[in-house]
Amino acid sequence: MSTTLPATPPAIAARPAASATAHAMAPVKRISSAGLMDGGREVEIEHAGRIYRLRITQLNKLILTA
């Protein structure tokens, strides 16, 4: 009996464009949550005309809501 494996999706099999590769190698900016929250437990972030709320939960996790 012969089995065939499912085809790999094109997005995974395709090579990234040269510009995407250069962007992926750029260092990612890191901000500490303490610095971002500035002593509070909640901040509002404006993005593309919408307001998002970033909160620290009772279990000390971060949650982002729109």
Protein backbone atom coordinates (compact mmCIF):
# COMPACT_ATOMS: atom_id res chain seq x y z
CA MET A 1 0.00 0.00 0.00
CA SER A 2 1.36 3.40 -0.95
CA THR A 3 0.67 6.53 1.05
CA THR A 4 1.12 10.04 -0.18
CA LEU A 5 1.97 12.98 1.99
CA PRO A 6 -0.09 16.15 1.76
CA ALA A 7 1.40 18.88 -0.39
CA THR A 8 3.25 21.62 1.44
CA PRO A 9 1.29 24.89 1.31
CA PRO A 10 2.90 27.37 -1.13
CA ALA A 11 3.36 30.00 1.62
CA ILE A 12 5.63 27.63 3.53
CA ALA A 13 7.46 26.21 0.52
CA ALA A 14 8.12 29.56 -1.16
CA ARG A 15 11.33 31.44 -0.47
CA PRO A 16 10.94 34.87 1.12
CA ALA A 17 11.66 37.89 -1.03
CA ALA A 18 15.04 39.56 -0.55
CA SER A 19 13.47 42.57 1.19
CA ALA A 20 11.55 40.30 3.59
CA THR A 21 14.78 38.51 4.48
CA ALA A 22 16.57 41.80 5.20
CA HIS A 23 13.65 42.97 7.36
CA ALA A 24 13.60 39.71 9.32
CA MET A 25 17.25 40.16 10.26
CA ALA A 26 16.70 43.64 11.71
CA PRO A 27 16.80 43.71 15.50
CA VAL A 28 13.44 43.82 17.24
CA LYS A 29 12.87 46.73 19.60
CA ARG A 30 12.26 45.50 23.16
CA ILE A 31 10.38 47.55 25.76
CA SER A 32 9.89 46.32 29.31
CA SER A 33 6.27 46.11 30.42
CA ALA A 34 7.17 48.06 33.57
CA GLY A 35 8.52 50.90 31.45
CA LEU A 36 5.53 50.81 29.14
CA MET A 37 2.96 50.72 31.94
CA ASP A 38 4.84 53.43 33.93
CA GLY A 39 3.63 52.19 37.31
CA GLY A 40 0.03 51.67 36.19
CA ARG A 41 -1.88 48.54 35.26
CA GLU A 42 -3.40 49.79 32.01
CA VAL A 43 -2.42 51.85 28.95
CA GLU A 44 -4.28 52.86 25.82
CA ILE A 45 -2.56 52.43 22.47
CA GLU A 46 -3.77 54.22 19.35
CA HIS A 47 -3.23 52.30 16.11
CA ALA A 48 -4.73 53.02 12.70
CA GLY A 49 -7.40 55.25 14.20
CA ARG A 50 -8.50 52.70 16.82
CA ILE A 51 -7.84 52.65 20.55
CA TYR A 52 -6.55 49.42 22.09
CA ARG A 53 -6.26 48.78 25.81
CA LEU A 54 -3.28 46.87 27.23
CA ARG A 55 -3.88 45.66 30.79
CA ILE A 56 -2.08 43.64 33.42
CA THR A 57 -4.49 41.01 34.75
CA GLN A 58 -4.85 39.72 38.31
CA LEU A 59 -2.67 36.77 37.28
CA ASN A 60 0.04 39.20 36.10
CA LYS A 61 -0.54 38.44 32.40
CA LEU A 62 -0.90 41.00 29.62
CA ILE A 63 -4.13 41.28 27.67
CA LEU A 64 -4.75 43.53 24.66
CA THR A 65 -8.33 44.39 23.73
CA ALA A 66 -9.88 46.65 21.11
